[in-house]
Amino acid sequence: MKFKIKDSLESGGCLARDISDGGIKINLNEFVPLHSEVNLEVQLATQRIVDCVARIVWIEKMPFMDRYQAGLEFDNNRLEQDVKIKIHGYTHPRH
């Protein structure tokens, strides 16, 4: 997935570890300060990419590595309804 910190010219890639209706856990190569607003481009499935706005709610250095894990909370007030539906459909698949 791709991410970009608000008001920054730089964007980067990161690995999504876990996603729910409320947020996402990611692995980062660099530290990002708490409460930073981030624009995300998340690939939910093949050919299904959604754009989200989220905020860093926790971040921790991974043991023995120069990498970080972070928890991001989606800004539900700024998520479009179809994005909410796609995320919910991905996290709650029908069997």
C-alpha atoms as a PDB file:
ATOM      1  CA  MET A   1       0.000   0.000   0.000  1.00  0.00           C
ATOM      2  CA  LYS A   2       1.043   3.603  -0.423  1.00  0.00           C
ATOM      3  CA  PHE A   3       0.986   6.333   2.183  1.00  0.00           C
ATOM      4  CA  LYS A   4       1.629  10.064   2.259  1.00  0.00           C
ATOM      5  CA  ILE A   5       1.856  12.239   5.345  1.00  0.00           C
ATOM      6  CA  LYS A   6      -0.408  15.279   5.061  1.00  0.00           C
ATOM      7  CA  ASP A   7       1.421  18.434   3.931  1.00  0.00           C
ATOM      8  CA  SER A   8       4.496  16.419   2.913  1.00  0.00           C
ATOM      9  CA  LEU A   9       5.825  16.157  -0.617  1.00  0.00           C
ATOM     10  CA  GLU A  10       7.153  12.664  -0.007  1.00  0.00           C
ATOM     11  CA  SER A  11       5.146   9.492  -0.265  1.00  0.00           C
ATOM     12  CA  GLY A  12       6.191   5.947   0.406  1.00  0.00           C
ATOM     13  CA  GLY A  13       5.179   2.360   0.543  1.00  0.00           C
ATOM     14  CA  CYS A  14       4.424   0.248   3.565  1.00  0.00           C
ATOM     15  CA  LEU A  15       3.138  -3.186   4.422  1.00  0.00           C
ATOM     16  CA  ALA A  16      -0.381  -3.514   5.805  1.00  0.00           C
ATOM     17  CA  ARG A  17      -0.554  -6.059   8.609  1.00  0.00           C
ATOM     18  CA  ASP A  18      -4.170  -5.933   9.716  1.00  0.00           C
ATOM     19  CA  ILE A  19      -7.272  -4.024   8.628  1.00  0.00           C
ATOM     20  CA  SER A  20     -10.676  -3.496  10.216  1.00  0.00           C
ATOM     21  CA  ASP A  21     -13.619  -1.181   9.704  1.00  0.00           C
ATOM     22  CA  GLY A  22     -12.012   1.296  12.106  1.00  0.00           C
ATOM     23  CA  GLY A  23      -8.377   1.295  11.070  1.00  0.00           C
ATOM     24  CA  ILE A  24      -5.261  -0.481   9.907  1.00  0.00           C
ATOM     25  CA  LYS A  25      -1.922  -1.679  11.342  1.00  0.00           C
ATOM     26  CA  ILE A  26       1.107  -1.083   9.124  1.00  0.00           C
ATOM     27  CA  ASN A  27       4.875  -1.618   9.071  1.00  0.00           C
ATOM     28  CA  LEU A  28       6.965   1.468   8.266  1.00  0.00           C
ATOM     29  CA  ASN A  29      10.616   2.044   7.450  1.00  0.00           C
ATOM     30  CA  GLU A  30      10.614   5.445   9.194  1.00  0.00           C
ATOM     31  CA  PHE A  31       9.170   6.947  12.357  1.00  0.00           C
ATOM     32  CA  VAL A  32       5.985   8.973  11.886  1.00  0.00           C
ATOM     33  CA  PRO A  33       4.869  11.183  14.805  1.00  0.00           C
ATOM     34  CA  LEU A  34       1.695  10.392  16.742  1.00  0.00           C
ATOM     35  CA  HIS A  35      -1.473  12.088  15.508  1.00  0.00           C
ATOM     36  CA  SER A  36      -0.007  12.631  12.034  1.00  0.00           C
ATOM     37  CA  GLU A  37      -2.669  12.643   9.333  1.00  0.00           C
ATOM     38  CA  VAL A  38      -1.905  10.201   6.535  1.00  0.00           C
ATOM     39  CA  ASN A  39      -3.438   9.647   3.105  1.00  0.00           C
ATOM     40  CA  LEU A  40      -3.509   5.951   2.226  1.00  0.00           C
ATOM     41  CA  GLU A  41      -3.970   4.021  -0.972  1.00  0.00           C
ATOM     42  CA  VAL A  42      -4.975   0.540   0.168  1.00  0.00           C
ATOM     43  CA  GLN A  43      -5.258  -2.454  -2.132  1.00  0.00           C
ATOM     44  CA  LEU A  44      -8.023  -4.609  -0.654  1.00  0.00           C
ATOM     45  CA  ALA A  45      -8.000  -7.215  -3.396  1.00  0.00           C
ATOM     46  CA  THR A  46      -6.896  -7.559  -6.978  1.00  0.00           C
ATOM     47  CA  GLN A  47      -8.104  -4.523  -8.908  1.00  0.00           C
ATOM     48  CA  ARG A  48      -9.752  -3.005  -5.791  1.00  0.00           C
ATOM     49  CA  ILE A  49      -7.900   0.020  -4.431  1.00  0.00           C
ATOM     50  CA  VAL A  50      -9.411   2.525  -2.001  1.00  0.00           C
ATOM     51  CA  ASP A  51      -8.188   5.944  -0.866  1.00  0.00           C
ATOM     52  CA  CYS A  52      -8.456   6.657   2.860  1.00  0.00           C
ATOM     53  CA  VAL A  53      -7.547   9.349   5.361  1.00  0.00           C
ATOM     54  CA  ALA A  54      -6.255   8.102   8.713  1.00  0.00           C
ATOM     55  CA  ARG A  55      -4.389   9.293  11.801  1.00  0.00           C
ATOM     56  CA  ILE A  56      -1.475   7.626  13.630  1.00  0.00           C
ATOM     57  CA  VAL A  57      -2.824   6.566  17.054  1.00  0.00           C
ATOM     58  CA  TRP A  58       0.147   4.453  18.174  1.00  0.00           C
ATOM     59  CA  ILE A  59       3.641   3.664  16.907  1.00  0.00           C
ATOM     60  CA  GLU A  60       6.387   1.419  18.254  1.00  0.00           C
ATOM     61  CA  LYS A  61       9.853   0.376  17.160  1.00  0.00           C
ATOM     62  CA  MET A  62      10.054  -3.266  16.164  1.00  0.00           C
ATOM     63  CA  PRO A  63      12.551  -5.254  18.267  1.00  0.00           C
ATOM     64  CA  PHE A  64      16.019  -5.689  16.741  1.00  0.00           C
ATOM     65  CA  MET A  65      15.015  -3.806  13.567  1.00  0.00           C
ATOM     66  CA  ASP A  66      15.102  -0.279  12.185  1.00  0.00           C
ATOM     67  CA  ARG A  67      11.398  -0.496  11.373  1.00  0.00           C
ATOM     68  CA  TYR A  68       8.195   0.569  13.079  1.00  0.00           C
ATOM     69  CA  GLN A  69       4.676  -0.768  13.508  1.00  0.00           C
ATOM     70  CA  ALA A  70       1.883   1.778  13.670  1.00  0.00           C
ATOM     71  CA  GLY A  71      -1.829   1.745  14.307  1.00  0.00           C
ATOM     72  CA  LEU A  72      -3.913   4.106  12.221  1.00  0.00           C
ATOM     73  CA  GLU A  73      -7.530   5.074  12.783  1.00  0.00           C
ATOM     74  CA  PHE A  74      -9.627   5.896   9.728  1.00  0.00           C
ATOM     75  CA  ASP A  75     -11.218   9.352   9.671  1.00  0.00           C
ATOM     76  CA  ASN A  76     -14.795   8.149   9.204  1.00  0.00           C
ATOM     77  CA  ASN A  77     -16.031  11.699   8.661  1.00  0.00           C
ATOM     78  CA  ARG A  78     -13.858  11.936   5.548  1.00  0.00           C
ATOM     79  CA  LEU A  79     -14.283   8.404   4.176  1.00  0.00           C
ATOM     80  CA  GLU A  80     -16.676   8.172   1.276  1.00  0.00           C
ATOM     81  CA  GLN A  81     -19.578   5.774   1.804  1.00  0.00           C
ATOM     82  CA  ASP A  82     -18.462   3.429  -1.003  1.00  0.00           C
ATOM     83  CA  VAL A  83     -14.997   3.164   0.621  1.00  0.00           C
ATOM     84  CA  LYS A  84     -16.610   2.222   3.966  1.00  0.00           C
ATOM     85  CA  ILE A  85     -18.682  -0.434   2.178  1.00  0.00           C
ATOM     86  CA  LYS A  86     -15.624  -1.854   0.366  1.00  0.00           C
ATOM     87  CA  ILE A  87     -13.578  -2.039   3.571  1.00  0.00           C
ATOM     88  CA  HIS A  88     -16.464  -3.665   5.447  1.00  0.00           C
ATOM     89  CA  GLY A  89     -16.972  -6.163   2.609  1.00  0.00           C
ATOM     90  CA  TYR A  90     -13.264  -7.028   2.712  1.00  0.00           C
ATOM     91  CA  THR A  91     -13.132  -7.429   6.497  1.00  0.00           C
ATOM     92  CA  HIS A  92     -16.457  -9.300   6.716  1.00  0.00           C
ATOM     93  CA  PRO A  93     -16.594 -11.576   3.656  1.00  0.00           C
ATOM     94  CA  ARG A  94     -19.765 -13.535   3.012  1.00  0.00           C
ATOM     95  CA  HIS A  95     -19.344 -17.282   2.827  1.00  0.00           C
END
